[in-house]
Each structure stands twice: as structure tokens, then as C-alpha cells.
């Protein structure tokens, strides 16, 4: 190998004397002043005092020379001789400290176990869930959510879900009026009364919802109490509640998952139609998705039916004349569940 010239000259480091002397915990040494530094210096001197080694070509190299060849074999043999000279004292000290720390951790674990037993807590380390499956997603305690809505765009899906899930899941909804709204109107007040009529079953899994009547352009939901991360649109709120609600309405693991998402997308477009002609066109698309089925997505009611039912209520311009017989019959079946 090529010989490399030393870039940094050797110089002696002078330690400051204005501070308290602390023992170097990384190296074994006496507690006196500069114990760790003196130990390091002694190790370097021992390496330098080792006999010169020879490489394969017969040329000798000294560790204390200004320039040295990069020979890992020579360095390895020097380190081995140094460890033998120290009789493994440094290694033994590290192992002893590690064993002491492990014993302290075991003692701390035993103390925590006694505290847990005294409080009557379960000894398992796995977090308990409500027993519902969510397509492999990890169950976590649900945070309270806030929904901002305009009285002109009442989120009827909340009332529909609350009635449809009354024996499976509890949605506790409390309503408030923002200062930007002088009057919410008779339709919103009737909506609040219908929400209050649905009983709250404390024995069922529950999510708390705060509905605030506000002068906002879109219905939005805030699911994080620590950051403002809104979910826009009633359809997307239905999707969120469908993921955290009862297992019977979780559709991500269903074979008709894409079909349900497609129906909800049509509802999203329907709510944004500005002309009656475009609204009727969206209704025709819904009729094609329903076909001869009892509900959208199959023989069981799903969040897709909740989305369609709520969207049609918000579209008073769409009458029975605009609906096909299949949709009229479906709406009667859905009304028995949603109670709206």
C-alpha cells in the first residue's frame, strides 16, 4: 500500500483547571484528576511500545513513526496483544456494569407489577379493543370529533346513522350555534329535536360528535383535537364513520368495496349539481348501480344507502316523478331503517 503522510501533527492537550474533576465513565481508571485521560494515554503508549511488526514484504513499520502503512493485520495483532496485556480488565468492568443495570431493570419491572396488581389492572401488555374487527387496522380509542355545518346543508346522514346503528353503536351528538349564525331556521331546529329523540345506550361503543351550526361553505369534520385537519363533505364524513363504526357497516374488506365507494362518489357529485337536469342525470346513475338489488351494494344496508338517502333529502327539487320505481321501492325500505 502507499504510505500516507500524517496531516495533523502530534501535540499535547492541556486540560482546563477551572472545572470540577469528573470520572470518565467510559474508561476504567482511578477517580483522581484526569483518570480517563491518563488511561487513554497509557493505552496509546502501550501500543507504541509494542515491538515492530513486519509485513509480507519483510519491511518493518513502527506505530510511533510519522508515516505508517495501512495494514489492518498488523493493527489487529497489536490490539490483541494489548488486550492480553490488560487481562480483559476493561471488558470485565463493562460486563459487570451491564449485569448490574439488568438487575435494576428486573427489580423495576417487579415493582411495576406490584403497583398494577394493587390497582386491579389487567396484567396483559396488549391494549384491549372493543372486540370489533376493522380490516386489520389497529384499534385505538376514538377522539371526540367536531362537525361544522351550515343550516342550509343539514347533514341528515348523522341522524340516519344514529337510527340505523341504535342497536350496534352509539353516536352522541350535541349541537351548538356559532356566533356567525343569527338563526338556524326551522329545518335545523327540527333536525336537532329528532337527534334528541334517539336514546343513548351507554353499554354500546360510543363516539362523541359536536355539531356546530356555522356560516361555512362546506360541511367539514375535524377528527384531531391537536391539529386542524378537516375532512370536507358529508360523503367523506360517512366514510370516516363507516371505518370506526360497527363491524356490520365496515366495507373496506367487503367484495363490494369499490361499488360502495362509487355510489358515494355519485352522491358527492349529486350534491354539487346546480341544475335540475344534471341532478336527474346523477339519479339515473344511481338507478343503474341499484339494478334489482334490495340495497346499494347487496342485500344488506350499507353506508352507501345512508349517503344516497341523505343526499335525496337535501335535494327537494327531486320528486317521485324523477325516481324510477326501483328507487322509490328502495327509499321505502331505507326509511324503515333511517327513521327520517
Protein backbone atom coordinates (compact mmCIF):
# COMPACT_ATOMS: atom_id res chain seq x y z
CA UNK A 1 0.00 0.00 0.00
CA UNK A 2 1.02 3.63 -0.42
CA UNK A 3 2.34 5.42 2.61
CA UNK A 4 0.28 8.41 3.72
CA UNK A 5 1.73 11.46 5.34
CA UNK A 6 0.36 12.49 8.72
CA UNK A 7 -1.90 15.51 8.23
CA UNK A 8 -2.23 16.55 11.87
CA UNK A 9 0.98 16.92 13.91
CA UNK A 10 1.18 15.35 17.34
CA UNK A 11 0.57 17.83 20.13
CA UNK A 12 -0.18 17.62 23.82
CA UNK A 13 -3.63 18.57 25.08
CA UNK A 14 -3.68 20.73 28.20
CA UNK A 15 -6.77 20.16 30.34
CA UNK A 16 -8.50 23.17 31.95
CA UNK A 17 -8.27 23.54 35.72
CA UNK A 18 -11.31 25.81 36.23
CA UNK A 19 -13.87 22.98 36.43
CA UNK A 20 -14.60 20.17 38.85
CA UNK A 21 -12.90 16.88 38.09
CA UNK A 22 -15.31 14.16 36.88
CA UNK A 23 -14.61 10.50 36.43
CA UNK A 24 -14.67 9.26 32.85
CA UNK A 25 -17.38 6.58 32.91
CA UNK A 26 -16.38 5.26 29.50
CA UNK A 27 -12.93 4.08 30.59
CA UNK A 28 -11.71 2.29 33.66
CA UNK A 29 -9.43 4.39 35.80
CA UNK A 30 -8.89 5.89 39.24
CA UNK A 31 -11.18 8.71 40.43
CA UNK A 32 -8.30 11.12 40.60
CA UNK A 33 -7.84 14.09 38.33
CA UNK A 34 -7.64 13.17 34.65
CA UNK A 35 -8.13 9.45 35.29
CA UNK A 36 -9.84 8.84 31.95
CA UNK A 37 -7.25 10.88 30.04
CA UNK A 38 -4.33 9.18 31.74
CA UNK A 39 -5.87 5.78 30.97
CA UNK A 40 -6.19 6.72 27.31
CA UNK A 41 -2.61 7.97 27.26
CA UNK A 42 -1.40 4.73 28.82
CA UNK A 43 -3.21 2.70 26.15
CA UNK A 44 -1.56 4.74 23.40
CA UNK A 45 1.86 4.35 25.00
CA UNK A 46 1.36 0.59 25.24
CA UNK A 47 0.52 0.41 21.56
CA UNK A 48 3.57 2.48 20.71
CA UNK A 49 5.80 0.34 22.93
CA UNK A 50 4.82 -2.88 21.14
CA UNK A 51 7.61 -4.42 19.03
CA UNK A 52 7.75 -3.53 15.42
CA UNK A 53 5.81 -5.77 13.04
CA UNK A 54 6.77 -6.91 9.61
CA UNK A 55 4.51 -7.18 6.63
CA UNK A 56 4.61 -9.78 3.90
CA UNK A 57 7.45 -8.00 2.09
CA UNK A 58 9.69 -8.07 5.17
CA UNK A 59 9.67 -4.28 5.72
CA UNK A 60 9.12 -3.26 9.33
CA UNK A 61 6.83 -0.48 10.50
CA UNK A 62 6.67 1.26 13.83
CA UNK A 63 3.37 2.58 15.25
CA UNK A 64 5.13 5.73 16.51
CA UNK A 65 6.60 6.73 13.16
CA UNK A 66 5.46 9.85 11.40
CA UNK A 67 4.10 7.85 8.49
CA UNK A 68 2.78 4.29 8.52
CA UNK A 69 1.34 1.85 6.02
CA UNK A 70 -2.35 0.95 6.20
CA UNK A 71 -2.02 -2.67 7.31
CA UNK A 72 -5.09 -3.98 9.15
CA UNK A 73 -3.37 -7.27 10.03
CA UNK A 74 -0.61 -5.50 11.93
CA UNK A 75 -3.13 -3.29 13.74
CA UNK A 76 -5.25 -6.30 14.67
CA UNK A 77 -2.29 -8.17 16.16
CA UNK A 78 -1.31 -5.09 18.14
CA UNK A 79 -4.83 -4.78 19.60
CA UNK A 80 -4.84 -8.47 20.53
CA UNK A 81 -1.52 -8.15 22.33
CA UNK A 82 -2.83 -5.08 24.16
CA UNK A 83 -5.95 -6.92 25.31
CA UNK A 84 -3.85 -9.82 26.54
CA UNK A 85 -1.61 -7.41 28.40
CA UNK A 86 -4.64 -5.89 30.18
CA UNK A 87 -6.01 -9.37 31.01
CA UNK A 88 -9.50 -8.23 29.92
CA UNK A 89 -9.92 -5.88 32.87
CA UNK A 90 -11.73 -3.22 30.84
CA UNK A 91 -14.07 -5.77 29.26
CA UNK A 92 -14.86 -7.33 32.61
CA UNK A 93 -15.77 -3.94 34.06
CA UNK A 94 -18.20 -3.24 31.19
CA UNK A 95 -19.84 -6.65 31.61
CA UNK A 96 -20.18 -6.09 35.34
CA UNK A 97 -21.90 -2.74 34.82
CA UNK A 98 -24.25 -4.28 32.26
CA UNK A 99 -25.24 -7.07 34.66
CA UNK A 100 -25.92 -4.51 37.36
CA UNK A 101 -28.19 -2.48 35.04
CA UNK A 102 -30.12 -5.62 34.05
CA UNK A 103 -30.71 -6.49 37.69
CA UNK A 104 -32.01 -2.99 38.34
CA UNK A 105 -34.41 -3.27 35.38
CA UNK A 106 -35.74 -6.60 36.65
CA UNK A 107 -36.31 -5.06 40.08
CA UNK A 108 -38.15 -2.11 38.49
CA UNK A 109 -40.34 -4.49 36.47
CA UNK A 110 -41.28 -6.36 39.63
CA UNK A 111 -42.21 -3.10 41.38
CA UNK A 112 -44.42 -2.01 38.45
CA UNK A 113 -46.12 -5.42 38.53
CA UNK A 114 -46.97 -4.96 42.21
CA UNK A 115 -48.37 -1.48 41.54
CA UNK A 116 -50.50 -2.78 38.67
CA UNK A 117 -51.83 -5.63 40.82
CA UNK A 118 -52.66 -3.18 43.60
CA UNK A 119 -54.67 -1.03 41.21
CA UNK A 120 -56.57 -4.03 39.89
CA UNK A 121 -55.36 -3.59 36.32
CA UNK A 122 -55.00 -6.39 33.79
CA UNK A 123 -51.52 -7.89 33.65
CA UNK A 124 -51.50 -8.18 29.86
CA UNK A 125 -49.35 -5.72 27.96
CA UNK A 126 -51.54 -5.80 24.82
CA UNK A 127 -54.07 -2.97 24.59
CA UNK A 128 -57.66 -4.19 24.74
CA UNK A 129 -60.09 -3.29 21.98
CA UNK A 130 -63.84 -3.23 21.75
CA UNK A 131 -63.87 -6.63 20.06
CA UNK A 132 -64.70 -5.28 16.60
CA UNK A 133 -62.53 -6.02 13.59
CA UNK A 134 -61.57 -3.25 11.21
CA UNK A 135 -59.95 -4.98 8.25
CA UNK A 136 -56.60 -5.38 10.01
CA UNK A 137 -56.41 -1.76 11.20
CA UNK A 138 -55.19 -1.19 14.75
CA UNK A 139 -57.97 -0.25 17.14
CA UNK A 140 -57.32 2.92 19.12
CA UNK A 141 -59.56 4.93 21.43
CA UNK A 142 -61.64 7.34 19.36
CA UNK A 143 -61.28 11.06 19.92
CA UNK A 144 -64.29 13.36 20.02
CA UNK A 145 -64.98 14.86 16.62
CA UNK A 146 -66.35 18.26 15.65
CA UNK A 147 -68.53 18.87 12.59
CA UNK A 148 -69.14 22.37 11.23
CA UNK A 149 -72.26 22.61 9.08
CA UNK A 150 -74.49 25.25 7.56
CA UNK A 151 -78.24 25.10 8.35
CA UNK A 152 -78.92 25.18 4.61
CA UNK A 153 -76.95 21.93 4.19
CA UNK A 154 -78.14 19.80 7.10
CA UNK A 155 -76.11 16.58 7.49
CA UNK A 156 -79.05 14.19 7.61
CA UNK A 157 -76.59 11.29 7.43
CA UNK A 158 -75.85 11.78 11.15
CA UNK A 159 -79.48 11.18 12.06
CA UNK A 160 -79.72 8.27 9.62
CA UNK A 161 -76.62 6.59 11.07
CA UNK A 162 -77.75 7.22 14.62
CA UNK A 163 -81.06 5.44 13.91
CA UNK A 164 -79.51 2.66 11.82
CA UNK A 165 -76.87 1.90 14.47
CA UNK A 166 -79.09 2.28 17.54
CA UNK A 167 -78.60 -1.41 18.50
CA UNK A 168 -74.96 -1.62 17.40
CA UNK A 169 -73.22 1.67 18.08
CA UNK A 170 -73.96 4.96 19.81
CA UNK A 171 -73.35 8.37 18.26
CA UNK A 172 -73.79 11.00 20.95
CA UNK A 173 -74.42 14.28 19.09
CA UNK A 174 -74.55 17.67 20.79
CA UNK A 175 -75.42 20.77 18.78
CA UNK A 176 -74.25 24.37 19.21
CA UNK A 177 -74.74 27.61 17.25
CA UNK A 178 -71.77 29.70 16.18
CA UNK A 179 -71.81 33.47 16.53
CA UNK A 180 -71.82 33.80 12.73
CA UNK A 181 -75.39 32.41 12.64
CA UNK A 182 -78.23 34.66 13.84
CA UNK A 183 -80.90 32.00 13.32
CA UNK A 184 -80.53 28.37 12.21
CA UNK A 185 -84.08 28.12 10.84
CA UNK A 186 -86.98 25.69 11.45
CA UNK A 187 -85.47 22.79 9.48
CA UNK A 188 -82.29 22.74 11.58
CA UNK A 189 -84.29 23.02 14.81
CA UNK A 190 -86.45 20.06 13.77
CA UNK A 191 -83.27 18.15 12.97
CA UNK A 192 -81.97 18.83 16.49
CA UNK A 193 -85.23 17.59 18.01
CA UNK A 194 -85.06 14.37 16.01
CA UNK A 195 -81.48 13.81 17.16
CA UNK A 196 -82.54 14.20 20.79
CA UNK A 197 -85.29 11.60 20.37
CA UNK A 198 -82.82 8.79 19.66
CA UNK A 199 -81.83 7.25 23.03
CA UNK A 200 -78.20 6.90 24.11
CA UNK A 201 -77.11 3.38 25.07
CA UNK A 202 -74.05 3.69 27.29
CA UNK A 203 -73.37 -0.06 27.13
CA UNK A 204 -72.51 0.16 23.42
CA UNK A 205 -69.31 1.55 21.88
CA UNK A 206 -69.71 5.30 21.55
CA UNK A 207 -68.28 8.24 19.70
CA UNK A 208 -68.99 11.82 20.76
CA UNK A 209 -69.86 14.30 18.00
CA UNK A 210 -70.20 18.06 18.40
CA UNK A 211 -72.24 19.64 15.61
CA UNK A 212 -71.74 23.41 15.27
CA UNK A 213 -74.07 25.42 13.05
CA UNK A 214 -71.73 27.82 11.34
CA UNK A 215 -71.62 30.09 8.32
CA UNK A 216 -69.31 27.83 6.31
CA UNK A 217 -69.28 26.87 2.66
CA UNK A 218 -68.79 23.12 3.12
CA UNK A 219 -69.70 20.62 5.80
CA UNK A 220 -66.40 19.78 7.48
CA UNK A 221 -65.30 17.43 10.20
CA UNK A 222 -62.29 17.86 12.49
CA UNK A 223 -61.06 14.50 13.75
CA UNK A 224 -57.88 15.63 15.52
CA UNK A 225 -58.10 17.75 18.69
CA UNK A 226 -54.47 18.87 18.43
CA UNK A 227 -54.32 19.98 14.80
CA UNK A 228 -56.78 21.45 12.34
CA UNK A 229 -57.10 18.65 9.78
CA UNK A 230 -60.63 18.92 8.32
CA UNK A 231 -62.47 16.30 6.28
CA UNK A 232 -64.69 18.07 3.77
CA UNK A 233 -68.05 16.85 2.54
CA UNK A 234 -70.85 14.83 4.11
CA UNK A 235 -69.95 11.80 1.97
CA UNK A 236 -66.39 11.73 3.30
CA UNK A 237 -67.71 12.06 6.86
CA UNK A 238 -69.87 8.98 6.18
CA UNK A 239 -66.75 7.14 5.00
CA UNK A 240 -64.92 8.04 8.22
CA UNK A 241 -67.78 6.99 10.47
CA UNK A 242 -68.10 3.78 8.45
CA UNK A 243 -64.50 2.93 9.30
CA UNK A 244 -64.85 3.48 13.04
CA UNK A 245 -68.46 2.33 13.43
CA UNK A 246 -69.87 -1.18 13.92
CA UNK A 247 -68.35 -4.09 12.04
CA UNK A 248 -71.58 -4.65 10.12
CA UNK A 249 -71.09 -1.34 8.29
CA UNK A 250 -67.34 -1.53 7.66
CA UNK A 251 -66.97 -2.19 3.98
CA UNK A 252 -63.24 -1.98 3.23
CA UNK A 253 -62.86 -5.76 3.46
CA UNK A 254 -66.07 -6.41 1.53
CA UNK A 255 -66.11 -7.72 -2.07
CA UNK A 256 -68.35 -4.74 -2.96
CA UNK A 257 -65.95 -2.16 -1.53
CA UNK A 258 -65.38 -0.46 -4.89
CA UNK A 259 -69.10 -0.44 -5.61
CA UNK A 260 -69.90 1.32 -2.33
CA UNK A 261 -67.18 3.91 -2.96
CA UNK A 262 -68.55 4.53 -6.46
CA UNK A 263 -72.07 5.12 -5.13
CA UNK A 264 -70.72 7.58 -2.54
CA UNK A 265 -68.80 9.40 -5.28
CA UNK A 266 -72.04 9.79 -7.25
CA UNK A 267 -73.69 11.25 -4.12
CA UNK A 268 -70.82 13.73 -3.84
CA UNK A 269 -71.44 14.89 -7.41
CA UNK A 270 -75.20 14.97 -6.90
CA UNK A 271 -74.90 17.41 -4.01
CA UNK A 272 -72.92 19.79 -6.21
CA UNK A 273 -75.23 19.80 -9.22
CA UNK A 274 -76.58 23.28 -9.94
CA UNK A 275 -79.34 22.42 -12.42
CA UNK A 276 -82.29 20.08 -12.21
CA UNK A 277 -81.20 18.35 -15.41
CA UNK A 278 -77.80 17.46 -14.00
CA UNK A 279 -79.42 16.25 -10.78
CA UNK A 280 -81.71 13.90 -12.69
CA UNK A 281 -78.68 12.61 -14.63
CA UNK A 282 -76.97 11.67 -11.35
CA UNK A 283 -80.15 9.95 -10.15
CA UNK A 284 -80.13 7.85 -13.33
CA UNK A 285 -76.60 6.74 -12.49
CA UNK A 286 -77.75 5.70 -9.03
CA UNK A 287 -80.61 3.69 -10.54
CA UNK A 288 -78.10 1.78 -12.69
CA UNK A 289 -76.00 0.94 -9.60
CA UNK A 290 -79.06 -0.31 -7.70
CA UNK A 291 -80.42 -2.51 -10.52
CA UNK A 292 -82.59 -5.23 -8.93
CA UNK A 293 -80.82 -5.34 -5.57
CA UNK A 294 -82.52 -4.61 -2.27
CA UNK A 295 -79.85 -2.08 -1.27
CA UNK A 296 -76.84 -0.43 -2.85
CA UNK A 297 -74.08 -2.99 -2.63
CA UNK A 298 -76.15 -6.07 -1.96
CA UNK A 299 -78.91 -7.49 0.20
CA UNK A 300 -77.79 -5.66 3.37
CA UNK A 301 -77.94 -1.95 4.08
CA UNK A 302 -74.57 -0.16 3.99
CA UNK A 303 -73.13 3.33 4.30
CA UNK A 304 -73.81 3.75 0.58
CA UNK A 305 -77.55 3.65 1.30
CA UNK A 306 -77.06 6.22 4.07
CA UNK A 307 -75.28 8.53 1.63
CA UNK A 308 -77.92 8.21 -1.10
CA UNK A 309 -80.83 8.64 1.32
CA UNK A 310 -79.33 11.77 2.91
CA UNK A 311 -78.47 13.25 -0.49
CA UNK A 312 -82.02 12.82 -1.80
CA UNK A 313 -83.43 14.54 1.29
CA UNK A 314 -81.15 17.51 0.66
CA UNK A 315 -82.45 17.71 -2.92
CA UNK A 316 -86.10 18.85 -2.58
CA UNK A 317 -86.23 19.52 -6.32
CA UNK A 318 -86.03 15.77 -6.94
CA UNK A 319 -89.55 14.34 -6.58
CA UNK A 320 -91.03 10.89 -7.03
CA UNK A 321 -91.55 11.70 -10.70
CA UNK A 322 -87.78 11.86 -11.14
CA UNK A 323 -87.24 8.49 -9.45
CA UNK A 324 -87.63 5.11 -11.07
CA UNK A 325 -89.89 2.51 -9.43
CA UNK A 326 -86.82 0.65 -8.18
CA UNK A 327 -85.54 3.76 -6.40
CA UNK A 328 -88.97 4.51 -4.92
CA UNK A 329 -89.19 0.98 -3.51
CA UNK A 330 -85.62 1.25 -2.18
CA UNK A 331 -86.37 4.55 -0.46
CA UNK A 332 -89.31 2.98 1.39
CA UNK A 333 -87.08 0.17 2.67
CA UNK A 334 -84.37 2.62 3.70
CA UNK A 335 -86.84 4.81 5.56
CA UNK A 336 -87.74 1.91 7.86
CA UNK A 337 -84.10 1.85 9.00
CA UNK A 338 -83.15 5.53 8.98
CA UNK A 339 -86.47 6.71 10.53
CA UNK A 340 -86.30 10.00 8.59
